[in-house]
């Protein structure tokens, strides 16, 4: 409550003094307060403190920590946490965990790693258009044509009618000076053809 009102000091006081039997909800809530206050390093410190207790983190705790790692560029720490979610905490990674890791890799230009992470994920996650869309958007930003084409194939197999995916691929071509290929992609989009993967 104090955190939502912007009172960091009252939140810290309530957490340290007011909550004697801290559970995953109280730990995660305090992490969120630090995150809202722009104190990402405090989130990381608090998670390290939590790990020294007997309280097991929940899915939402790990999402909060992964988001913090993503926001401050701690990619290796984030990927390490993702790998131990099941082994160390006995939890199955959910789409939010994978999505956060994909975004984290994409922000640092590690598109190939992000691509392989999606491909190797649970089959339900590998079919999620949001993950592929994040990767395609990043391919456009970084000018990565090969990965962009592969992502477009995946996206079009999941959502053949999406013109936005064609548009993003066309933008990648434009960014590397291939206006001719961009025009071809846009023509295919307008004619609602779905055979992109065999024509690029």
N, C-alpha and C. Protein backbone atom coordinates (compact mmCIF):
# COMPACT_ATOMS: atom_id res chain seq x y z
N UNK A 1 0.83 -1.20 0.00
CA UNK A 1 0.00 0.00 0.00
C UNK A 1 0.87 1.26 0.00
N UNK A 2 1.89 1.28 0.90
CA UNK A 2 2.77 2.46 0.96
C UNK A 2 3.52 2.64 -0.36
N UNK A 3 3.94 1.51 -0.94
CA UNK A 3 4.68 1.57 -2.19
C UNK A 3 3.88 2.19 -3.31
N UNK A 4 2.59 1.86 -3.38
CA UNK A 4 1.74 2.41 -4.42
C UNK A 4 1.51 3.91 -4.22
N UNK A 5 1.65 4.36 -2.98
CA UNK A 5 1.50 5.79 -2.69
C UNK A 5 2.81 6.55 -2.86
N UNK A 6 3.87 5.83 -3.20
CA UNK A 6 5.16 6.48 -3.44
C UNK A 6 6.00 6.69 -2.20
N UNK A 7 5.64 6.05 -1.10
CA UNK A 7 6.41 6.23 0.13
C UNK A 7 7.36 5.05 0.33
N UNK A 8 8.58 5.22 -0.15
CA UNK A 8 9.57 4.15 -0.06
C UNK A 8 9.96 3.87 1.38
N UNK A 9 10.19 4.93 2.15
CA UNK A 9 10.66 4.74 3.54
C UNK A 9 9.62 3.99 4.38
N UNK A 10 8.34 4.34 4.20
CA UNK A 10 7.30 3.64 4.95
C UNK A 10 7.19 2.19 4.51
N UNK A 11 7.38 1.94 3.22
CA UNK A 11 7.33 0.57 2.70
C UNK A 11 8.45 -0.27 3.29
N UNK A 12 9.65 0.30 3.31
CA UNK A 12 10.80 -0.43 3.87
C UNK A 12 10.58 -0.70 5.35
N UNK A 13 10.07 0.31 6.07
CA UNK A 13 9.80 0.13 7.50
C UNK A 13 8.77 -0.95 7.76
N UNK A 14 7.71 -0.94 6.97
CA UNK A 14 6.66 -1.95 7.13
C UNK A 14 7.20 -3.34 6.84
N UNK A 15 8.06 -3.44 5.83
CA UNK A 15 8.61 -4.74 5.45
C UNK A 15 9.57 -5.26 6.52
N UNK A 16 10.45 -4.39 7.00
CA UNK A 16 11.48 -4.84 7.95
C UNK A 16 10.91 -5.06 9.35
N UNK A 17 10.10 -4.11 9.82
CA UNK A 17 9.61 -4.16 11.20
C UNK A 17 8.21 -4.76 11.30
N UNK A 18 7.36 -4.39 10.36
CA UNK A 18 5.94 -4.76 10.48
C UNK A 18 5.61 -6.18 10.09
N UNK A 19 6.40 -6.78 9.21
CA UNK A 19 6.10 -8.14 8.76
C UNK A 19 7.13 -9.08 9.36
N UNK A 20 6.71 -9.81 10.38
CA UNK A 20 7.64 -10.71 11.07
C UNK A 20 7.82 -12.01 10.30
N UNK A 21 6.74 -12.55 9.78
CA UNK A 21 6.78 -13.83 9.07
C UNK A 21 6.65 -13.56 7.57
N UNK A 22 7.75 -13.26 6.93
CA UNK A 22 7.73 -12.87 5.52
C UNK A 22 7.54 -14.08 4.62
N UNK A 23 6.57 -13.97 3.71
CA UNK A 23 6.34 -15.02 2.73
C UNK A 23 6.73 -14.51 1.35
N UNK A 24 6.50 -15.34 0.33
CA UNK A 24 6.88 -14.96 -1.04
C UNK A 24 6.17 -13.69 -1.49
N UNK A 25 4.92 -13.52 -1.05
CA UNK A 25 4.16 -12.33 -1.45
C UNK A 25 4.80 -11.07 -0.88
N UNK A 26 5.16 -11.09 0.39
CA UNK A 26 5.75 -9.89 1.00
C UNK A 26 7.13 -9.58 0.41
N UNK A 27 7.94 -10.61 0.17
CA UNK A 27 9.24 -10.39 -0.46
C UNK A 27 9.07 -9.79 -1.86
N UNK A 28 8.18 -10.38 -2.63
CA UNK A 28 7.97 -9.90 -4.01
C UNK A 28 7.38 -8.50 -4.01
N UNK A 29 6.47 -8.22 -3.10
CA UNK A 29 5.88 -6.88 -3.02
C UNK A 29 6.94 -5.83 -2.76
N UNK A 30 7.88 -6.14 -1.86
CA UNK A 30 8.94 -5.18 -1.57
C UNK A 30 9.86 -5.00 -2.79
N UNK A 31 10.10 -6.09 -3.50
CA UNK A 31 10.90 -5.98 -4.73
C UNK A 31 10.21 -5.06 -5.74
N UNK A 32 8.89 -5.18 -5.83
CA UNK A 32 8.14 -4.33 -6.75
C UNK A 32 8.22 -2.86 -6.34
N UNK A 33 8.18 -2.60 -5.05
CA UNK A 33 8.30 -1.21 -4.57
C UNK A 33 9.65 -0.63 -4.98
N UNK A 34 10.70 -1.40 -4.79
CA UNK A 34 12.03 -0.94 -5.22
C UNK A 34 12.06 -0.70 -6.72
N UNK A 35 11.46 -1.61 -7.47
CA UNK A 35 11.44 -1.47 -8.93
C UNK A 35 10.70 -0.21 -9.34
N UNK A 36 9.54 0.05 -8.71
CA UNK A 36 8.76 1.26 -9.03
C UNK A 36 9.55 2.52 -8.70
N UNK A 37 10.44 2.42 -7.71
CA UNK A 37 11.24 3.57 -7.30
C UNK A 37 12.53 3.70 -8.12
N UNK A 38 12.70 2.81 -9.09
CA UNK A 38 13.90 2.85 -9.93
C UNK A 38 15.15 2.33 -9.25
N UNK A 39 14.97 1.53 -8.21
CA UNK A 39 16.11 1.01 -7.44
C UNK A 39 16.33 -0.47 -7.77
N UNK A 40 16.75 -0.71 -8.99
CA UNK A 40 16.90 -2.09 -9.47
C UNK A 40 17.93 -2.87 -8.67
N UNK A 41 19.02 -2.21 -8.28
CA UNK A 41 20.04 -2.94 -7.51
C UNK A 41 19.50 -3.42 -6.17
N UNK A 42 18.54 -2.67 -5.60
CA UNK A 42 17.93 -3.10 -4.34
C UNK A 42 17.06 -4.34 -4.55
N UNK A 43 16.44 -4.43 -5.72
CA UNK A 43 15.65 -5.63 -6.04
C UNK A 43 16.57 -6.85 -6.03
N UNK A 44 17.72 -6.71 -6.68
CA UNK A 44 18.68 -7.82 -6.75
C UNK A 44 19.17 -8.19 -5.36
N UNK A 45 19.49 -7.19 -4.54
CA UNK A 45 19.96 -7.44 -3.17
C UNK A 45 18.88 -8.16 -2.36
N UNK A 46 17.64 -7.71 -2.51
CA UNK A 46 16.54 -8.30 -1.75
C UNK A 46 16.32 -9.76 -2.16
N UNK A 47 16.46 -10.04 -3.45
CA UNK A 47 16.32 -11.42 -3.92
C UNK A 47 17.42 -12.30 -3.32
N UNK A 48 18.63 -11.76 -3.24
CA UNK A 48 19.73 -12.51 -2.64
C UNK A 48 19.45 -12.77 -1.16
N UNK A 49 18.86 -11.78 -0.47
CA UNK A 49 18.48 -11.97 0.94
C UNK A 49 17.40 -13.03 1.06
N UNK A 50 16.44 -12.99 0.17
CA UNK A 50 15.34 -13.96 0.20
C UNK A 50 15.86 -15.38 0.03
N UNK A 51 16.86 -15.54 -0.84
CA UNK A 51 17.40 -16.88 -1.10
C UNK A 51 18.06 -17.48 0.13
N UNK A 52 18.46 -16.62 1.08
CA UNK A 52 19.10 -17.11 2.30
C UNK A 52 18.07 -17.56 3.33
N UNK A 53 16.81 -17.28 3.08
CA UNK A 53 15.74 -17.73 3.98
C UNK A 53 15.19 -19.05 3.46
N UNK A 54 14.19 -19.58 4.14
CA UNK A 54 13.57 -20.83 3.69
C UNK A 54 12.39 -20.58 2.77
N UNK A 55 12.12 -19.31 2.47
CA UNK A 55 10.99 -18.96 1.61
C UNK A 55 11.34 -19.26 0.16
N UNK A 56 10.50 -20.06 -0.48
CA UNK A 56 10.71 -20.39 -1.89
C UNK A 56 10.05 -19.35 -2.77
N UNK A 57 10.76 -18.84 -3.76
CA UNK A 57 10.14 -17.86 -4.67
C UNK A 57 9.04 -18.51 -5.49
N UNK A 58 8.07 -17.72 -5.86
CA UNK A 58 6.98 -18.17 -6.73
C UNK A 58 7.25 -17.69 -8.15
N UNK A 59 6.38 -18.10 -9.07
CA UNK A 59 6.52 -17.65 -10.46
C UNK A 59 6.61 -16.13 -10.54
N UNK A 60 5.73 -15.45 -9.79
CA UNK A 60 5.67 -13.99 -9.88
C UNK A 60 6.93 -13.34 -9.30
N UNK A 61 7.55 -14.00 -8.31
CA UNK A 61 8.81 -13.48 -7.76
C UNK A 61 9.89 -13.49 -8.83
N UNK A 62 9.97 -14.61 -9.54
CA UNK A 62 11.01 -14.76 -10.55
C UNK A 62 10.77 -13.84 -11.74
N UNK A 63 9.51 -13.56 -12.04
CA UNK A 63 9.21 -12.60 -13.11
C UNK A 63 9.73 -11.22 -12.71
N UNK A 64 9.50 -10.84 -11.45
CA UNK A 64 9.97 -9.53 -10.96
C UNK A 64 11.49 -9.43 -11.05
N UNK A 65 12.18 -10.50 -10.68
CA UNK A 65 13.65 -10.47 -10.70
C UNK A 65 14.17 -10.48 -12.13
N UNK A 66 13.58 -11.32 -12.98
CA UNK A 66 14.00 -11.36 -14.39
C UNK A 66 13.78 -10.00 -15.07
N UNK A 67 12.66 -9.36 -14.75
CA UNK A 67 12.39 -8.04 -15.32
C UNK A 67 13.44 -7.03 -14.88
N UNK A 68 13.86 -7.12 -13.64
CA UNK A 68 14.91 -6.23 -13.14
C UNK A 68 16.22 -6.49 -13.85
N UNK A 69 16.59 -7.77 -13.97
CA UNK A 69 17.82 -8.11 -14.70
C UNK A 69 17.77 -7.55 -16.12
N UNK A 70 16.61 -7.68 -16.75
CA UNK A 70 16.44 -7.18 -18.12
C UNK A 70 16.63 -5.67 -18.16
N UNK A 71 16.03 -4.97 -17.22
CA UNK A 71 16.06 -3.50 -17.23
C UNK A 71 17.43 -2.90 -16.96
N UNK A 72 18.27 -3.64 -16.23
CA UNK A 72 19.60 -3.09 -15.93
C UNK A 72 20.71 -3.82 -16.70
N UNK A 73 20.31 -4.68 -17.63
CA UNK A 73 21.28 -5.30 -18.53
C UNK A 73 22.10 -6.43 -17.94
N UNK A 74 21.61 -7.07 -16.88
CA UNK A 74 22.32 -8.22 -16.31
C UNK A 74 21.89 -9.50 -17.04
N UNK A 75 22.36 -9.63 -18.26
CA UNK A 75 21.90 -10.71 -19.13
C UNK A 75 22.33 -12.08 -18.61
N UNK A 76 23.59 -12.22 -18.25
CA UNK A 76 24.08 -13.52 -17.80
C UNK A 76 23.37 -13.97 -16.52
N UNK A 77 23.15 -13.02 -15.62
CA UNK A 77 22.42 -13.34 -14.38
C UNK A 77 20.99 -13.77 -14.69
N UNK A 78 20.37 -13.06 -15.63
CA UNK A 78 19.00 -13.40 -16.01
C UNK A 78 18.90 -14.77 -16.65
N UNK A 79 19.84 -15.07 -17.55
CA UNK A 79 19.82 -16.37 -18.20
C UNK A 79 20.13 -17.48 -17.20
N UNK A 80 21.01 -17.18 -16.25
CA UNK A 80 21.31 -18.16 -15.20
C UNK A 80 20.08 -18.46 -14.36
N UNK A 81 19.32 -17.42 -14.04
CA UNK A 81 18.09 -17.61 -13.26
C UNK A 81 17.07 -18.42 -14.05
N UNK A 82 16.93 -18.12 -15.33
CA UNK A 82 15.98 -18.86 -16.16
C UNK A 82 16.32 -20.35 -16.17
N UNK A 83 17.60 -20.67 -16.25
CA UNK A 83 18.02 -22.07 -16.32
C UNK A 83 17.75 -22.83 -15.03
N UNK A 84 17.78 -22.12 -13.89
CA UNK A 84 17.62 -22.84 -12.62
C UNK A 84 16.20 -22.78 -12.06
N UNK A 85 15.26 -22.20 -12.81
CA UNK A 85 13.89 -22.10 -12.31
C UNK A 85 13.34 -23.48 -11.97
N UNK A 86 13.54 -24.44 -12.87
CA UNK A 86 13.00 -25.78 -12.64
C UNK A 86 13.89 -26.58 -11.70
N UNK A 87 15.20 -26.54 -11.94
CA UNK A 87 16.13 -27.35 -11.15
C UNK A 87 16.19 -26.92 -9.69
N UNK A 88 16.32 -25.63 -9.47
CA UNK A 88 16.53 -25.13 -8.10
C UNK A 88 15.23 -24.86 -7.35
N UNK A 89 14.21 -24.38 -8.09
CA UNK A 89 12.98 -23.98 -7.41
C UNK A 89 11.80 -24.91 -7.69
N UNK A 90 11.99 -25.89 -8.56
CA UNK A 90 10.93 -26.86 -8.84
C UNK A 90 9.73 -26.28 -9.56
N UNK A 91 9.95 -25.19 -10.29
CA UNK A 91 8.86 -24.54 -11.03
C UNK A 91 9.08 -24.72 -12.52
N UNK A 92 7.98 -24.86 -13.25
CA UNK A 92 8.06 -24.92 -14.71
C UNK A 92 8.07 -23.49 -15.24
N UNK A 93 9.07 -23.13 -16.06
CA UNK A 93 9.07 -21.77 -16.62
C UNK A 93 7.79 -21.48 -17.38
N UNK A 94 7.20 -20.33 -17.11
CA UNK A 94 5.97 -19.92 -17.80
C UNK A 94 6.33 -18.94 -18.91
N UNK A 95 5.36 -18.61 -19.73
CA UNK A 95 5.61 -17.76 -20.89
C UNK A 95 6.21 -16.41 -20.50
N UNK A 96 5.81 -15.87 -19.35
CA UNK A 96 6.35 -14.58 -18.90
C UNK A 96 7.86 -14.66 -18.64
N UNK A 97 8.32 -15.80 -18.10
CA UNK A 97 9.75 -15.98 -17.88
C UNK A 97 10.51 -15.99 -19.21
N UNK A 98 10.01 -16.79 -20.14
CA UNK A 98 10.67 -16.92 -21.44
C UNK A 98 10.62 -15.59 -22.20
N UNK A 99 9.47 -14.92 -22.15
CA UNK A 99 9.32 -13.64 -22.84
C UNK A 99 10.32 -12.61 -22.31
N UNK A 100 10.49 -12.58 -21.01
CA UNK A 100 11.43 -11.64 -20.39
C UNK A 100 12.85 -11.94 -20.85
N UNK A 101 13.20 -13.23 -20.89
CA UNK A 101 14.55 -13.62 -21.32
C UNK A 101 14.78 -13.29 -22.79
N UNK A 102 13.78 -13.53 -23.63
CA UNK A 102 13.89 -13.21 -25.05
C UNK A 102 14.11 -11.71 -25.23
N UNK A 103 13.32 -10.91 -24.53
CA UNK A 103 13.45 -9.46 -24.62
C UNK A 103 14.83 -9.01 -24.13
N UNK A 104 15.30 -9.63 -23.07
CA UNK A 104 16.61 -9.30 -22.50
C UNK A 104 17.72 -9.57 -23.51
N UNK A 105 17.66 -10.71 -24.19
CA UNK A 105 18.66 -11.05 -25.20
C UNK A 105 18.56 -10.12 -26.40
N UNK A 106 17.34 -9.82 -26.81
CA UNK A 106 17.14 -8.96 -27.98
C UNK A 106 17.67 -7.55 -27.74
N UNK A 107 17.49 -7.04 -26.53
CA UNK A 107 17.95 -5.68 -26.22
C UNK A 107 19.46 -5.53 -26.36
N UNK A 108 20.17 -6.64 -26.18
CA UNK A 108 21.63 -6.59 -26.26
C UNK A 108 22.15 -7.14 -27.59
N UNK A 109 21.25 -7.35 -28.54
CA UNK A 109 21.65 -7.79 -29.87
C UNK A 109 21.95 -9.27 -30.00
N UNK A 110 21.63 -10.04 -28.98
CA UNK A 110 21.90 -11.48 -29.02
C UNK A 110 20.70 -12.22 -29.62
N UNK A 111 20.43 -11.91 -30.87
CA UNK A 111 19.23 -12.44 -31.53
C UNK A 111 19.31 -13.92 -31.79
N UNK A 112 20.49 -14.40 -32.11
CA UNK A 112 20.64 -15.84 -32.35
C UNK A 112 20.34 -16.62 -31.08
N UNK A 113 20.82 -16.12 -29.94
CA UNK A 113 20.53 -16.77 -28.66
C UNK A 113 19.04 -16.74 -28.36
N UNK A 114 18.40 -15.60 -28.65
CA UNK A 114 16.96 -15.48 -28.42
C UNK A 114 16.20 -16.46 -29.31
N UNK A 115 16.62 -16.57 -30.56
CA UNK A 115 15.98 -17.49 -31.51
C UNK A 115 16.07 -18.93 -31.00
N UNK A 116 17.27 -19.33 -30.57
CA UNK A 116 17.45 -20.70 -30.09
C UNK A 116 16.71 -20.94 -28.78
N UNK A 117 16.59 -19.91 -27.96
CA UNK A 117 15.83 -20.05 -26.71
C UNK A 117 14.37 -20.35 -27.01
N UNK A 118 13.79 -19.63 -27.95
CA UNK A 118 12.39 -19.88 -28.30
C UNK A 118 12.24 -21.27 -28.89
N UNK A 119 13.14 -21.63 -29.81
CA UNK A 119 13.06 -22.93 -30.48
C UNK A 119 13.17 -24.08 -29.48
N UNK A 120 13.99 -23.90 -28.45
CA UNK A 120 14.21 -24.98 -27.50
C UNK A 120 13.24 -24.96 -26.33
N UNK A 121 12.35 -23.97 -26.31
CA UNK A 121 11.39 -23.86 -25.21
C UNK A 121 10.30 -24.90 -25.33
N UNK A 122 9.51 -24.98 -24.30
CA UNK A 122 8.31 -25.81 -24.29
C UNK A 122 7.53 -25.55 -25.57
N UNK A 123 6.96 -26.59 -26.16
CA UNK A 123 6.29 -26.46 -27.47
C UNK A 123 5.23 -25.36 -27.47
N UNK A 124 4.56 -25.19 -26.34
CA UNK A 124 3.53 -24.14 -26.25
C UNK A 124 4.16 -22.76 -26.38
N UNK A 125 5.33 -22.58 -25.78
CA UNK A 125 6.03 -21.29 -25.86
C UNK A 125 6.58 -21.06 -27.26
N UNK A 126 7.08 -22.13 -27.89
CA UNK A 126 7.66 -22.00 -29.22
C UNK A 126 6.63 -21.62 -30.26
N UNK A 127 5.36 -21.80 -29.93
CA UNK A 127 4.28 -21.42 -30.87
C UNK A 127 3.67 -20.07 -30.51
N UNK A 128 4.25 -19.37 -29.57
CA UNK A 128 3.67 -18.10 -29.12
C UNK A 128 4.08 -16.96 -30.05
N UNK A 129 3.12 -16.33 -30.72
CA UNK A 129 3.46 -15.27 -31.67
C UNK A 129 4.08 -14.03 -31.01
N UNK A 130 3.83 -13.82 -29.73
CA UNK A 130 4.41 -12.65 -29.05
C UNK A 130 5.93 -12.79 -28.98
N UNK A 131 6.42 -13.99 -28.69
CA UNK A 131 7.86 -14.20 -28.63
C UNK A 131 8.50 -13.96 -29.99
N UNK A 132 7.88 -14.54 -31.03
CA UNK A 132 8.42 -14.37 -32.39
C UNK A 132 8.31 -12.92 -32.84
N UNK A 133 7.24 -12.25 -32.44
CA UNK A 133 7.08 -10.84 -32.80
C UNK A 133 8.15 -9.96 -32.16
N UNK A 134 8.48 -10.26 -30.90
CA UNK A 134 9.56 -9.53 -30.22
C UNK A 134 10.87 -9.71 -30.96
N UNK A 135 11.13 -10.94 -31.36
CA UNK A 135 12.37 -11.23 -32.07
C UNK A 135 12.40 -10.59 -33.45
N UNK A 136 11.28 -10.61 -34.14
CA UNK A 136 11.22 -9.99 -35.47
C UNK A 136 11.42 -8.48 -35.38
N UNK A 137 10.79 -7.86 -34.40
CA UNK A 137 10.96 -6.42 -34.21
C UNK A 137 12.41 -6.07 -33.91
N UNK A 138 13.07 -6.91 -33.12
CA UNK A 138 14.49 -6.68 -32.82
C UNK A 138 15.36 -6.91 -34.04
N UNK A 139 14.98 -7.87 -34.87
CA UNK A 139 15.74 -8.11 -36.11
C UNK A 139 15.68 -6.88 -37.00
N UNK A 140 14.54 -6.25 -37.00
CA UNK A 140 14.41 -5.01 -37.77
C UNK A 140 15.34 -3.94 -37.20
N UNK A 141 15.35 -3.81 -35.88
CA UNK A 141 16.18 -2.80 -35.23
C UNK A 141 17.67 -3.04 -35.50
N UNK A 142 18.09 -4.32 -35.41
CA UNK A 142 19.50 -4.65 -35.56
C UNK A 142 19.89 -4.94 -37.01
N UNK A 143 18.91 -4.96 -37.93
CA UNK A 143 19.20 -5.23 -39.34
C UNK A 143 19.64 -6.65 -39.60
N UNK A 144 19.07 -7.61 -38.85
CA UNK A 144 19.44 -9.02 -38.98
C UNK A 144 18.48 -9.73 -39.94
N UNK A 145 18.86 -9.82 -41.20
CA UNK A 145 17.98 -10.35 -42.22
C UNK A 145 17.73 -11.85 -42.08
N UNK A 146 18.78 -12.63 -41.87
CA UNK A 146 18.63 -14.09 -41.84
C UNK A 146 17.68 -14.51 -40.73
N UNK A 147 17.90 -13.97 -39.53
CA UNK A 147 17.02 -14.30 -38.42
C UNK A 147 15.63 -13.74 -38.67
N UNK A 148 15.55 -12.54 -39.24
CA UNK A 148 14.25 -11.94 -39.54
C UNK A 148 13.41 -12.79 -40.47
N UNK A 149 14.05 -13.37 -41.48
CA UNK A 149 13.32 -14.24 -42.41
C UNK A 149 12.83 -15.50 -41.70
N UNK A 150 13.69 -16.08 -40.87
CA UNK A 150 13.30 -17.29 -40.13
C UNK A 150 12.13 -17.01 -39.20
N UNK A 151 12.17 -15.86 -38.53
CA UNK A 151 11.08 -15.49 -37.62
C UNK A 151 9.79 -15.27 -38.39
N UNK A 152 9.91 -14.66 -39.57
CA UNK A 152 8.70 -14.41 -40.37
C UNK A 152 8.05 -15.72 -40.76
N UNK A 153 8.85 -16.71 -41.10
CA UNK A 153 8.28 -18.02 -41.43
C UNK A 153 7.49 -18.58 -40.25
N UNK A 154 8.09 -18.47 -39.07
CA UNK A 154 7.40 -18.97 -37.88
C UNK A 154 6.13 -18.19 -37.60
N UNK A 155 6.22 -16.87 -37.70
CA UNK A 155 5.04 -16.04 -37.44
C UNK A 155 3.93 -16.30 -38.45
N UNK A 156 4.30 -16.46 -39.71
CA UNK A 156 3.27 -16.68 -40.73
C UNK A 156 2.65 -18.07 -40.61
N UNK A 157 3.40 -19.02 -40.08
CA UNK A 157 2.80 -20.34 -39.85
C UNK A 157 1.82 -20.27 -38.68
N UNK A 158 2.07 -19.36 -37.73
CA UNK A 158 1.17 -19.18 -36.59
C UNK A 158 -0.01 -18.28 -36.94
N UNK A 159 0.24 -17.29 -37.78
CA UNK A 159 -0.79 -16.30 -38.13
C UNK A 159 -0.62 -15.88 -39.59
N UNK A 160 -1.07 -16.74 -40.52
CA UNK A 160 -0.83 -16.50 -41.96
C UNK A 160 -1.42 -15.20 -42.48
N UNK A 161 -2.44 -14.68 -41.85
CA UNK A 161 -3.09 -13.49 -42.37
C UNK A 161 -2.54 -12.17 -41.86
N UNK A 162 -1.51 -12.21 -41.02
CA UNK A 162 -1.00 -10.98 -40.41
C UNK A 162 -0.14 -10.18 -41.38
N UNK A 163 -0.64 -9.03 -41.79
CA UNK A 163 0.12 -8.16 -42.69
C UNK A 163 1.24 -7.44 -41.94
N UNK A 164 1.09 -7.30 -40.63
CA UNK A 164 2.13 -6.62 -39.84
C UNK A 164 3.46 -7.35 -39.92
N UNK A 165 3.40 -8.69 -39.95
CA UNK A 165 4.64 -9.46 -40.03
C UNK A 165 5.35 -9.24 -41.36
N UNK A 166 4.56 -9.18 -42.44
CA UNK A 166 5.14 -8.88 -43.75
C UNK A 166 5.80 -7.49 -43.72
N UNK A 167 5.11 -6.56 -43.08
CA UNK A 167 5.60 -5.17 -43.04
C UNK A 167 6.94 -5.09 -42.30
N UNK A 168 7.05 -5.82 -41.18
CA UNK A 168 8.31 -5.79 -40.44
C UNK A 168 9.45 -6.38 -41.26
N UNK A 169 9.16 -7.47 -41.99
CA UNK A 169 10.20 -8.06 -42.82
C UNK A 169 10.59 -7.09 -43.94
N UNK A 170 9.61 -6.44 -44.53
CA UNK A 170 9.90 -5.45 -45.58
C UNK A 170 10.78 -4.33 -45.02
N UNK A 171 10.51 -3.91 -43.81
CA UNK A 171 11.32 -2.86 -43.18
C UNK A 171 12.77 -3.31 -42.98
N UNK A 172 12.95 -4.60 -42.66
CA UNK A 172 14.32 -5.12 -42.53
C UNK A 172 15.05 -5.01 -43.86
N UNK A 173 14.36 -5.40 -44.94
CA UNK A 173 14.98 -5.29 -46.27
C UNK A 173 15.34 -3.85 -46.60
N UNK A 174 14.44 -2.92 -46.29
CA UNK A 174 14.71 -1.51 -46.57
C UNK A 174 15.94 -1.04 -45.78
N UNK A 175 16.05 -1.48 -44.53
CA UNK A 175 17.15 -1.03 -43.67
C UNK A 175 18.51 -1.49 -44.18
N UNK A 176 18.53 -2.57 -44.98
CA UNK A 176 19.82 -3.03 -45.52
C UNK A 176 19.95 -2.70 -47.01
N UNK A 177 19.05 -1.82 -47.50
CA UNK A 177 19.16 -1.35 -48.87
C UNK A 177 18.59 -2.26 -49.93
N UNK A 178 17.74 -3.21 -49.54
CA UNK A 178 17.13 -4.13 -50.51
C UNK A 178 15.67 -3.75 -50.76
N UNK A 179 15.48 -2.60 -51.37
CA UNK A 179 14.13 -2.11 -51.63
C UNK A 179 13.36 -3.06 -52.55
N UNK A 180 14.05 -3.71 -53.49
CA UNK A 180 13.40 -4.64 -54.40
C UNK A 180 12.74 -5.79 -53.64
N UNK A 181 13.47 -6.36 -52.66
CA UNK A 181 12.92 -7.45 -51.86
C UNK A 181 11.78 -6.95 -50.98
N UNK A 182 11.92 -5.74 -50.47
CA UNK A 182 10.86 -5.16 -49.64
C UNK A 182 9.58 -5.02 -50.45
N UNK A 183 9.70 -4.56 -51.70
CA UNK A 183 8.53 -4.42 -52.56
C UNK A 183 7.88 -5.78 -52.84
N UNK A 184 8.71 -6.81 -53.03
CA UNK A 184 8.18 -8.16 -53.26
C UNK A 184 7.36 -8.63 -52.06
N UNK A 185 7.91 -8.40 -50.86
CA UNK A 185 7.22 -8.82 -49.64
C UNK A 185 5.90 -8.09 -49.49
N UNK A 186 5.88 -6.79 -49.74
CA UNK A 186 4.65 -6.01 -49.60
C UNK A 186 3.62 -6.43 -50.64
N UNK A 187 4.07 -6.78 -51.84
CA UNK A 187 3.12 -7.27 -52.85
C UNK A 187 2.48 -8.58 -52.40
N UNK A 188 3.30 -9.45 -51.82
CA UNK A 188 2.75 -10.72 -51.31
C UNK A 188 1.73 -10.46 -50.21
N UNK A 189 2.03 -9.49 -49.37
CA UNK A 189 1.11 -9.14 -48.29
C UNK A 189 -0.22 -8.66 -48.85
N UNK A 190 -0.15 -7.80 -49.84
CA UNK A 190 -1.38 -7.25 -50.42
C UNK A 190 -2.21 -8.31 -51.11
N UNK A 191 -1.54 -9.30 -51.69
CA UNK A 191 -2.29 -10.35 -52.38
C UNK A 191 -2.67 -11.49 -51.43
N UNK A 192 -2.28 -11.34 -50.14
CA UNK A 192 -2.61 -12.30 -49.08
C UNK A 192 -2.07 -13.69 -49.37
N UNK A 193 -0.91 -13.74 -50.00
CA UNK A 193 -0.27 -15.02 -50.21
C UNK A 193 0.43 -15.42 -48.93
N UNK A 194 0.53 -16.71 -48.69
CA UNK A 194 1.17 -17.19 -47.47
C UNK A 194 2.38 -18.06 -47.78
N UNK A 195 2.87 -18.06 -48.99
CA UNK A 195 4.01 -18.90 -49.35
C UNK A 195 5.33 -18.19 -49.22
N UNK A 196 5.46 -17.29 -48.27
CA UNK A 196 6.66 -16.49 -48.13
C UNK A 196 7.89 -17.35 -47.94
N UNK A 197 7.78 -18.41 -47.14
CA UNK A 197 8.96 -19.17 -46.81
C UNK A 197 9.56 -19.87 -48.02
N UNK A 198 8.79 -20.08 -49.07
CA UNK A 198 9.33 -20.76 -50.24
C UNK A 198 9.81 -19.77 -51.29
N UNK A 199 9.57 -18.48 -51.07
CA UNK A 199 9.87 -17.50 -52.11
C UNK A 199 11.00 -16.55 -51.74
N UNK A 200 11.44 -16.60 -50.48
CA UNK A 200 12.51 -15.67 -50.06
C UNK A 200 13.86 -16.36 -50.12
